Structure formats: structure tokens, C-alpha cells
Amino acid sequence: MGKNKLLYPSLTLLLLLLLPTDASVSGKPQYMVLVPSLLHTETPEKGCLLLSHLNETVTVSASLESVRENRSLFTDVVAEKDLFHCVSFTLPRSPTSQEVMFLTIQAKGPTQEFKKRTTVLVKNEESLVFVQTDKPIYKPEQPLSPALGRLHR
């Protein structure tokens, strides 16, 4: 089980990365986006953006797109040279149990522009109800315990 842990999408982070090899030396603008590859509905999720070496003000936006809807996660104007920004969001319950959506990140300025699009899996959060009784087996017509009887009504 330990060997295959990285194969599960819920444990894997999508890393969208565009870093030229000489970026730190040349001072060219860079970006990195971190977001889970598996998003659950009705549960707070978080995505983070790192921008480095910006030389102009840019508008940064993130959105999720599917066949049935487009959802903006955030739009921000960034004037700082370096920025690390995380945003929390909650997706509504989907009519299907799971759905593949496109995550699009875009930054646009007077002379700089980058756009990255990738897929993420969105699943409905499932809940499980566990009932523990005071006896392992109830016989037909046997009354429930008073506490369980109140729960049943």
C-alpha cells in the first residue's frame, strides 16, 4: 500500500509549472500554481499561486469550466513584484457523482501574458451514517432500546 500512495489522485497535487532554467538569473517573470487534482464538492478547497519577478501590473484569474457551467474562482489585480496568494473556494454539489473539469489560470498585463489549462476531477462528497446498537442482533418484534427508539422517530 505504501508504494502506491502516489497513484491516488486525492493525494497528488497538480503542479502547473513554467520556469525557464535561467529564470532566477535573468529575472524573467515566473509563475507556479498549486491545486489538488481531486476536488470535493461542498468541502472547502484551496489553490495557491506564486508569481515572481513581475515587472508590470497584471490581472490574474482562475476559473473552473465544464460542459454544464463555468465558475470563476477569483480575479485579482497584482502590482507586487513577487506574490504568493492562496484562495479558498467551495464547489456546489454536482448532479453527477464525479465530473472532469478544466482549471484555467490566466495572468495578463500590458506586455506579459500567460494562460495554463489543465483537468481536475470533481467528486461529490459522500457521507456515511453508522448506527451502533446496544445488541449485536435484534429478533423480530423485539423493542429497540429507548435511546435508539428516540433516534428512529
N, C-alpha and C. Protein backbone atom coordinates (compact mmCIF):
# COMPACT_ATOMS: atom_id res chain seq x y z
N MET A 1 0.82 -1.20 0.00
CA MET A 1 0.00 0.00 0.00
C MET A 1 0.86 1.26 0.00
N GLY A 2 1.96 1.26 0.75
CA GLY A 2 2.81 2.43 0.83
C GLY A 2 3.44 2.80 -0.51
N LYS A 3 3.74 1.77 -1.34
CA LYS A 3 4.36 2.03 -2.63
C LYS A 3 3.42 2.76 -3.58
N ASN A 4 2.13 2.45 -3.52
CA ASN A 4 1.17 3.00 -4.46
C ASN A 4 0.49 4.27 -3.98
N LYS A 5 0.92 4.83 -2.89
CA LYS A 5 0.27 6.00 -2.32
C LYS A 5 0.21 7.17 -3.29
N LEU A 6 1.24 7.37 -4.08
CA LEU A 6 1.28 8.50 -5.01
C LEU A 6 0.37 8.30 -6.21
N LEU A 7 -0.14 7.12 -6.41
CA LEU A 7 -1.01 6.87 -7.54
C LEU A 7 -2.44 7.37 -7.30
N TYR A 8 -2.83 7.58 -6.07
CA TYR A 8 -4.18 8.05 -5.77
C TYR A 8 -4.29 9.52 -6.08
N PRO A 9 -5.29 9.93 -6.90
CA PRO A 9 -5.38 11.34 -7.28
C PRO A 9 -5.64 12.26 -6.10
N SER A 10 -6.30 11.77 -5.04
CA SER A 10 -6.58 12.66 -3.92
C SER A 10 -5.32 13.03 -3.16
N LEU A 11 -4.27 12.25 -3.31
CA LEU A 11 -3.04 12.54 -2.60
C LEU A 11 -2.02 13.26 -3.49
N THR A 12 -2.36 13.41 -4.75
CA THR A 12 -1.44 14.03 -5.69
C THR A 12 -1.80 15.49 -5.89
N LEU A 13 -0.83 16.34 -5.93
CA LEU A 13 -1.07 17.75 -6.24
C LEU A 13 -0.71 18.00 -7.69
N LEU A 14 -1.58 18.74 -8.35
CA LEU A 14 -1.23 19.17 -9.70
C LEU A 14 -0.27 20.33 -9.57
N LEU A 15 0.77 20.27 -10.29
CA LEU A 15 1.76 21.35 -10.26
C LEU A 15 1.92 21.86 -11.68
N LEU A 16 1.36 23.02 -11.93
CA LEU A 16 1.47 23.64 -13.25
C LEU A 16 2.66 24.58 -13.18
N LEU A 17 3.66 24.31 -13.94
CA LEU A 17 4.92 25.00 -13.74
C LEU A 17 5.50 25.46 -15.06
N LEU A 18 5.88 26.70 -15.11
CA LEU A 18 6.58 27.23 -16.27
C LEU A 18 7.76 28.04 -15.74
N LEU A 19 8.86 27.39 -15.60
CA LEU A 19 10.05 28.05 -15.06
C LEU A 19 11.21 27.85 -16.04
N PRO A 20 11.62 28.88 -16.73
CA PRO A 20 12.81 28.74 -17.58
C PRO A 20 14.01 28.39 -16.70
N THR A 21 14.92 27.63 -17.23
CA THR A 21 16.05 27.18 -16.43
C THR A 21 16.92 28.33 -15.94
N ASP A 22 16.97 29.42 -16.69
CA ASP A 22 17.79 30.55 -16.27
C ASP A 22 16.96 31.67 -15.66
N ALA A 23 15.74 31.36 -15.22
CA ALA A 23 14.82 32.39 -14.73
C ALA A 23 15.35 33.12 -13.52
N SER A 24 15.94 32.39 -12.57
CA SER A 24 16.41 33.06 -11.36
C SER A 24 17.58 33.99 -11.66
N VAL A 25 18.36 33.68 -12.67
CA VAL A 25 19.50 34.52 -13.02
C VAL A 25 19.05 35.71 -13.86
N SER A 26 18.18 35.46 -14.83
CA SER A 26 17.80 36.53 -15.76
C SER A 26 16.71 37.44 -15.21
N GLY A 27 15.97 37.00 -14.19
CA GLY A 27 14.91 37.82 -13.62
C GLY A 27 13.66 37.84 -14.47
N LYS A 28 13.47 36.87 -15.35
CA LYS A 28 12.25 36.79 -16.16
C LYS A 28 11.07 36.42 -15.27
N PRO A 29 9.86 36.92 -15.60
CA PRO A 29 8.69 36.55 -14.82
C PRO A 29 8.46 35.04 -14.80
N GLN A 30 8.02 34.54 -13.65
CA GLN A 30 7.76 33.12 -13.44
C GLN A 30 6.44 32.96 -12.72
N TYR A 31 5.82 31.79 -12.88
CA TYR A 31 4.63 31.51 -12.11
C TYR A 31 4.56 30.04 -11.76
N MET A 32 3.82 29.74 -10.69
CA MET A 32 3.57 28.38 -10.28
C MET A 32 2.18 28.34 -9.65
N VAL A 33 1.41 27.32 -10.00
CA VAL A 33 0.06 27.15 -9.47
C VAL A 33 0.00 25.79 -8.78
N LEU A 34 -0.53 25.77 -7.57
CA LEU A 34 -0.72 24.52 -6.82
C LEU A 34 -2.20 24.35 -6.53
N VAL A 35 -2.76 23.22 -6.95
CA VAL A 35 -4.17 22.92 -6.67
C VAL A 35 -4.33 21.40 -6.65
N PRO A 36 -5.18 20.88 -5.80
CA PRO A 36 -5.38 19.42 -5.78
C PRO A 36 -5.93 18.94 -7.11
N SER A 37 -5.52 17.76 -7.53
CA SER A 37 -6.04 17.20 -8.78
C SER A 37 -7.41 16.58 -8.56
N LEU A 38 -7.79 16.37 -7.31
CA LEU A 38 -9.12 15.86 -6.96
C LEU A 38 -9.78 16.88 -6.03
N LEU A 39 -10.88 17.47 -6.48
CA LEU A 39 -11.62 18.45 -5.68
C LEU A 39 -12.94 17.83 -5.25
N HIS A 40 -13.32 18.06 -4.00
CA HIS A 40 -14.60 17.55 -3.49
C HIS A 40 -15.61 18.68 -3.40
N THR A 41 -16.85 18.38 -3.72
CA THR A 41 -17.91 19.39 -3.61
C THR A 41 -18.30 19.56 -2.15
N GLU A 42 -18.89 20.71 -1.85
CA GLU A 42 -19.40 21.04 -0.52
C GLU A 42 -18.33 20.94 0.57
N THR A 43 -17.08 21.06 0.19
CA THR A 43 -15.95 21.00 1.12
C THR A 43 -14.99 22.12 0.75
N PRO A 44 -14.50 22.88 1.73
CA PRO A 44 -13.53 23.94 1.38
C PRO A 44 -12.28 23.35 0.73
N GLU A 45 -11.90 23.92 -0.39
CA GLU A 45 -10.69 23.53 -1.12
C GLU A 45 -9.80 24.77 -1.21
N LYS A 46 -8.53 24.57 -1.53
CA LYS A 46 -7.61 25.70 -1.60
C LYS A 46 -6.69 25.54 -2.81
N GLY A 47 -6.43 26.66 -3.46
CA GLY A 47 -5.46 26.72 -4.54
C GLY A 47 -4.51 27.87 -4.28
N CYS A 48 -3.26 27.72 -4.68
CA CYS A 48 -2.26 28.76 -4.43
C CYS A 48 -1.53 29.14 -5.71
N LEU A 49 -1.12 30.40 -5.77
CA LEU A 49 -0.43 30.95 -6.93
C LEU A 49 0.82 31.68 -6.46
N LEU A 50 1.93 31.41 -7.12
CA LEU A 50 3.20 32.09 -6.85
C LEU A 50 3.60 32.82 -8.12
N LEU A 51 3.79 34.12 -8.01
CA LEU A 51 4.29 34.94 -9.13
C LEU A 51 5.61 35.57 -8.68
N SER A 52 6.61 35.49 -9.54
CA SER A 52 7.92 36.05 -9.21
C SER A 52 8.45 36.89 -10.35
N HIS A 53 9.20 37.92 -10.00
CA HIS A 53 9.90 38.77 -10.96
C HIS A 53 8.95 39.49 -11.93
N LEU A 54 7.78 39.89 -11.43
CA LEU A 54 6.88 40.65 -12.30
C LEU A 54 7.44 42.05 -12.49
N ASN A 55 7.34 42.57 -13.71
CA ASN A 55 7.83 43.92 -13.95
C ASN A 55 6.70 44.86 -14.36
N GLU A 56 5.46 44.41 -14.18
CA GLU A 56 4.30 45.23 -14.50
C GLU A 56 3.08 44.71 -13.74
N THR A 57 2.04 45.51 -13.69
CA THR A 57 0.79 45.10 -13.06
C THR A 57 0.06 44.15 -13.98
N VAL A 58 -0.42 43.03 -13.41
CA VAL A 58 -1.15 42.03 -14.20
C VAL A 58 -2.48 41.72 -13.52
N THR A 59 -3.44 41.28 -14.31
CA THR A 59 -4.71 40.77 -13.80
C THR A 59 -4.65 39.26 -13.83
N VAL A 60 -4.84 38.64 -12.67
CA VAL A 60 -4.77 37.18 -12.55
C VAL A 60 -6.17 36.65 -12.30
N SER A 61 -6.53 35.60 -13.03
CA SER A 61 -7.86 35.00 -12.83
C SER A 61 -7.73 33.48 -12.88
N ALA A 62 -8.65 32.82 -12.15
CA ALA A 62 -8.73 31.36 -12.15
C ALA A 62 -10.19 30.98 -12.30
N SER A 63 -10.45 29.95 -13.11
CA SER A 63 -11.83 29.51 -13.31
C SER A 63 -11.87 28.01 -13.53
N LEU A 64 -13.03 27.43 -13.22
CA LEU A 64 -13.31 26.02 -13.49
C LEU A 64 -14.39 25.97 -14.56
N GLU A 65 -14.16 25.15 -15.58
CA GLU A 65 -15.11 25.08 -16.69
C GLU A 65 -15.51 23.63 -16.92
N SER A 66 -16.80 23.44 -17.22
CA SER A 66 -17.29 22.12 -17.59
C SER A 66 -18.34 22.31 -18.67
N VAL A 67 -18.92 21.21 -19.11
CA VAL A 67 -19.95 21.28 -20.14
C VAL A 67 -21.17 22.04 -19.62
N ARG A 68 -21.50 21.87 -18.33
CA ARG A 68 -22.73 22.48 -17.82
C ARG A 68 -22.53 23.84 -17.14
N GLU A 69 -21.30 24.20 -16.77
CA GLU A 69 -21.12 25.50 -16.10
C GLU A 69 -19.67 26.00 -16.17
N ASN A 70 -19.53 27.30 -16.02
CA ASN A 70 -18.23 27.96 -15.85
C ASN A 70 -18.29 28.69 -14.52
N ARG A 71 -17.27 28.51 -13.70
CA ARG A 71 -17.26 29.11 -12.37
C ARG A 71 -15.96 29.86 -12.16
N SER A 72 -16.05 31.15 -11.88
CA SER A 72 -14.87 31.94 -11.59
C SER A 72 -14.46 31.69 -10.14
N LEU A 73 -13.20 31.37 -9.92
CA LEU A 73 -12.70 31.16 -8.56
C LEU A 73 -12.18 32.46 -7.96
N PHE A 74 -11.46 33.25 -8.76
CA PHE A 74 -11.04 34.57 -8.31
C PHE A 74 -10.49 35.37 -9.48
N THR A 75 -10.51 36.69 -9.33
CA THR A 75 -9.86 37.62 -10.25
C THR A 75 -9.21 38.69 -9.38
N ASP A 76 -7.92 38.91 -9.59
CA ASP A 76 -7.17 39.87 -8.77
C ASP A 76 -6.24 40.69 -9.64
N VAL A 77 -6.03 41.94 -9.27
CA VAL A 77 -5.02 42.78 -9.91
C VAL A 77 -3.78 42.72 -9.02
N VAL A 78 -2.65 42.37 -9.61
CA VAL A 78 -1.40 42.19 -8.85
C VAL A 78 -0.41 43.24 -9.31
N ALA A 79 0.03 44.07 -8.36
CA ALA A 79 1.02 45.11 -8.67
C ALA A 79 2.37 44.79 -8.05
N GLU A 80 2.43 43.83 -7.10
CA GLU A 80 3.69 43.50 -6.45
C GLU A 80 4.63 42.78 -7.42
N LYS A 81 5.91 42.89 -7.15
CA LYS A 81 6.90 42.20 -7.98
C LYS A 81 6.87 40.69 -7.72
N ASP A 82 6.64 40.30 -6.46
CA ASP A 82 6.55 38.89 -6.08
C ASP A 82 5.29 38.70 -5.26
N LEU A 83 4.59 37.60 -5.50
CA LEU A 83 3.32 37.37 -4.82
C LEU A 83 3.15 35.88 -4.57
N PHE A 84 2.71 35.54 -3.36
CA PHE A 84 2.24 34.19 -3.06
C PHE A 84 0.84 34.37 -2.50
N HIS A 85 -0.16 33.83 -3.19
CA HIS A 85 -1.56 34.07 -2.83
C HIS A 85 -2.32 32.76 -2.87
N CYS A 86 -3.03 32.44 -1.80
CA CYS A 86 -3.88 31.25 -1.75
C CYS A 86 -5.33 31.70 -1.65
N VAL A 87 -6.20 30.96 -2.30
CA VAL A 87 -7.62 31.28 -2.27
C VAL A 87 -8.39 30.01 -1.91
N SER A 88 -9.37 30.17 -1.01
CA SER A 88 -10.25 29.06 -0.64
C SER A 88 -11.54 29.17 -1.43
N PHE A 89 -12.08 28.05 -1.80
CA PHE A 89 -13.34 28.03 -2.54
C PHE A 89 -14.09 26.74 -2.23
N THR A 90 -15.40 26.78 -2.41
CA THR A 90 -16.26 25.61 -2.20
C THR A 90 -17.11 25.42 -3.44
N LEU A 91 -17.09 24.23 -3.98
CA LEU A 91 -17.88 23.92 -5.16
C LEU A 91 -19.23 23.34 -4.75
N PRO A 92 -20.31 23.71 -5.44
CA PRO A 92 -21.62 23.15 -5.10
C PRO A 92 -21.72 21.69 -5.52
N ARG A 93 -22.65 20.99 -4.91
CA ARG A 93 -22.88 19.58 -5.23
C ARG A 93 -23.25 19.44 -6.71
N SER A 94 -22.68 18.44 -7.34
CA SER A 94 -22.89 18.20 -8.77
C SER A 94 -24.02 17.20 -8.97
N PRO A 95 -24.77 17.32 -10.07
CA PRO A 95 -25.82 16.33 -10.34
C PRO A 95 -25.24 14.94 -10.62
N THR A 96 -24.00 14.88 -11.05
CA THR A 96 -23.34 13.59 -11.25
C THR A 96 -22.38 13.35 -10.09
N SER A 97 -22.06 12.09 -9.83
CA SER A 97 -21.20 11.79 -8.67
C SER A 97 -19.77 12.31 -8.87
N GLN A 98 -19.31 12.33 -10.11
CA GLN A 98 -17.99 12.90 -10.40
C GLN A 98 -17.98 13.47 -11.80
N GLU A 99 -17.07 14.43 -12.00
CA GLU A 99 -17.04 15.15 -13.26
C GLU A 99 -15.62 15.67 -13.50
N VAL A 100 -15.18 15.59 -14.74
CA VAL A 100 -13.89 16.16 -15.11
C VAL A 100 -14.13 17.60 -15.52
N MET A 101 -13.36 18.52 -14.94
CA MET A 101 -13.50 19.94 -15.26
C MET A 101 -12.13 20.48 -15.68
N PHE A 102 -12.15 21.63 -16.35
CA PHE A 102 -10.92 22.30 -16.76
C PHE A 102 -10.63 23.44 -15.80
N LEU A 103 -9.43 23.48 -15.27
CA LEU A 103 -8.97 24.58 -14.44
C LEU A 103 -8.11 25.47 -15.34
N THR A 104 -8.49 26.75 -15.42
CA THR A 104 -7.75 27.70 -16.25
C THR A 104 -7.21 28.81 -15.37
N ILE A 105 -5.91 29.06 -15.48
CA ILE A 105 -5.25 30.16 -14.77
C ILE A 105 -4.71 31.11 -15.84
N GLN A 106 -4.99 32.40 -15.68
CA GLN A 106 -4.54 33.38 -16.66
C GLN A 106 -4.02 34.61 -15.95
N ALA A 107 -2.91 35.14 -16.45
CA ALA A 107 -2.37 36.42 -15.98
C ALA A 107 -2.12 37.26 -17.22
N LYS A 108 -2.60 38.50 -17.19
CA LYS A 108 -2.48 39.35 -18.37
C LYS A 108 -2.11 40.76 -17.95
N GLY A 109 -1.10 41.31 -18.62
CA GLY A 109 -0.67 42.68 -18.40
C GLY A 109 -0.40 43.34 -19.74
N PRO A 110 0.13 44.57 -19.72
CA PRO A 110 0.40 45.28 -20.97
C PRO A 110 1.34 44.52 -21.91
N THR A 111 2.39 43.89 -21.36
CA THR A 111 3.33 43.17 -22.22
C THR A 111 3.47 41.70 -21.86
N GLN A 112 2.97 41.30 -20.70
CA GLN A 112 3.09 39.91 -20.24
C GLN A 112 1.73 39.22 -20.30
N GLU A 113 1.72 37.95 -20.71
CA GLU A 113 0.50 37.16 -20.66
C GLU A 113 0.87 35.68 -20.60
N PHE A 114 0.23 34.97 -19.67
CA PHE A 114 0.35 33.52 -19.68
C PHE A 114 -1.01 32.93 -19.35
N LYS A 115 -1.23 31.74 -19.88
CA LYS A 115 -2.50 31.04 -19.67
C LYS A 115 -2.19 29.56 -19.62
N LYS A 116 -2.69 28.89 -18.59
CA LYS A 116 -2.49 27.45 -18.45
C LYS A 116 -3.83 26.80 -18.16
N ARG A 117 -4.10 25.69 -18.84
CA ARG A 117 -5.37 24.98 -18.67
C ARG A 117 -5.07 23.51 -18.45
N THR A 118 -5.68 22.92 -17.43
CA THR A 118 -5.48 21.52 -17.12
C THR A 118 -6.78 20.93 -16.58
N THR A 119 -6.84 19.62 -16.48
CA THR A 119 -8.06 18.98 -15.99
C THR A 119 -7.92 18.62 -14.52
N VAL A 120 -9.05 18.66 -13.83
CA VAL A 120 -9.16 18.21 -12.44
C VAL A 120 -10.41 17.35 -12.34
N LEU A 121 -10.43 16.47 -11.38
CA LEU A 121 -11.60 15.62 -11.14
C LEU A 121 -12.38 16.21 -9.97
N VAL A 122 -13.68 16.43 -10.17
CA VAL A 122 -14.54 16.96 -9.12
C VAL A 122 -15.51 15.85 -8.72
N LYS A 123 -15.50 15.50 -7.43
CA LYS A 123 -16.37 14.43 -6.92
C LYS A 123 -17.26 14.98 -5.82
N ASN A 124 -18.49 14.48 -5.78
CA ASN A 124 -19.38 14.83 -4.68
C ASN A 124 -18.86 14.20 -3.40
N GLU A 125 -18.92 14.97 -2.33
CA GLU A 125 -18.53 14.46 -1.02
C GLU A 125 -19.61 13.47 -0.59
N GLU A 126 -19.20 12.29 -0.20
CA GLU A 126 -20.16 11.28 0.22
C GLU A 126 -20.14 11.17 1.73
N SER A 127 -21.33 11.00 2.30
CA SER A 127 -21.40 10.83 3.76
C SER A 127 -21.90 9.42 4.05
N LEU A 128 -21.50 8.93 5.17
CA LEU A 128 -21.86 7.58 5.60
C LEU A 128 -22.44 7.68 7.00
N VAL A 129 -23.57 7.03 7.21
CA VAL A 129 -24.19 7.02 8.54
C VAL A 129 -23.94 5.65 9.15
N PHE A 130 -23.37 5.65 10.32
CA PHE A 130 -23.07 4.41 11.03
C PHE A 130 -23.94 4.36 12.29
N VAL A 131 -24.71 3.29 12.44
CA VAL A 131 -25.57 3.14 13.62
C VAL A 131 -25.06 1.95 14.42
N GLN A 132 -24.78 2.20 15.68
CA GLN A 132 -24.35 1.13 16.57
C GLN A 132 -25.45 0.90 17.59
N THR A 133 -25.88 -0.36 17.71
CA THR A 133 -26.96 -0.69 18.65
C THR A 133 -26.37 -1.27 19.93
N ASP A 134 -27.25 -1.43 20.92
CA ASP A 134 -26.79 -1.97 22.20
C ASP A 134 -26.74 -3.50 22.19
N LYS A 135 -27.26 -4.15 21.12
CA LYS A 135 -27.22 -5.61 20.99
C LYS A 135 -26.71 -5.95 19.59
N PRO A 136 -25.98 -7.06 19.47
CA PRO A 136 -25.49 -7.41 18.14
C PRO A 136 -26.60 -7.80 17.17
N ILE A 137 -27.66 -8.45 17.66
CA ILE A 137 -28.76 -8.89 16.80
C ILE A 137 -30.08 -8.63 17.51
N TYR A 138 -31.03 -8.04 16.80
CA TYR A 138 -32.38 -7.87 17.32
C TYR A 138 -33.27 -8.93 16.68
N LYS A 139 -34.13 -9.56 17.48
CA LYS A 139 -35.08 -10.55 16.97
C LYS A 139 -36.33 -9.81 16.50
N PRO A 140 -37.08 -10.42 15.55
CA PRO A 140 -38.32 -9.77 15.08
C PRO A 140 -39.24 -9.44 16.25
N GLU A 141 -39.85 -8.28 16.19
CA GLU A 141 -40.80 -7.80 17.21
C GLU A 141 -40.14 -7.41 18.52
N GLN A 142 -38.84 -7.51 18.63
CA GLN A 142 -38.15 -7.12 19.87
C GLN A 142 -38.06 -5.60 19.88
N PRO A 143 -38.44 -4.96 21.00
CA PRO A 143 -38.39 -3.49 21.05
C PRO A 143 -36.94 -3.00 21.00
N LEU A 144 -36.79 -1.83 20.40
CA LEU A 144 -35.48 -1.18 20.36
C LEU A 144 -35.18 -0.59 21.72
N SER A 145 -33.93 -0.34 21.98
CA SER A 145 -33.57 0.31 23.23
C SER A 145 -34.21 1.70 23.24
N PRO A 146 -34.48 2.27 24.41
CA PRO A 146 -35.14 3.59 24.46
C PRO A 146 -34.39 4.67 23.69
N ALA A 147 -33.06 4.68 23.78
CA ALA A 147 -32.29 5.71 23.09
C ALA A 147 -32.41 5.55 21.58
N LEU A 148 -32.32 4.34 21.08
CA LEU A 148 -32.43 4.10 19.65
C LEU A 148 -33.85 4.35 19.16
N GLY A 149 -34.82 4.06 19.99
CA GLY A 149 -36.22 4.34 19.64
C GLY A 149 -36.45 5.83 19.43
N ARG A 150 -35.84 6.68 20.27
CA ARG A 150 -35.97 8.13 20.11
C ARG A 150 -35.31 8.59 18.83
N LEU A 151 -34.19 7.96 18.46
CA LEU A 151 -33.48 8.31 17.24
C LEU A 151 -34.32 7.93 16.02
N HIS A 152 -35.04 6.81 16.11
CA HIS A 152 -35.81 6.30 14.99
C HIS A 152 -37.01 7.20 14.67
N ARG A 153 -37.63 7.80 15.66
CA ARG A 153 -38.84 8.62 15.45
C ARG A 153 -38.55 9.83 14.70
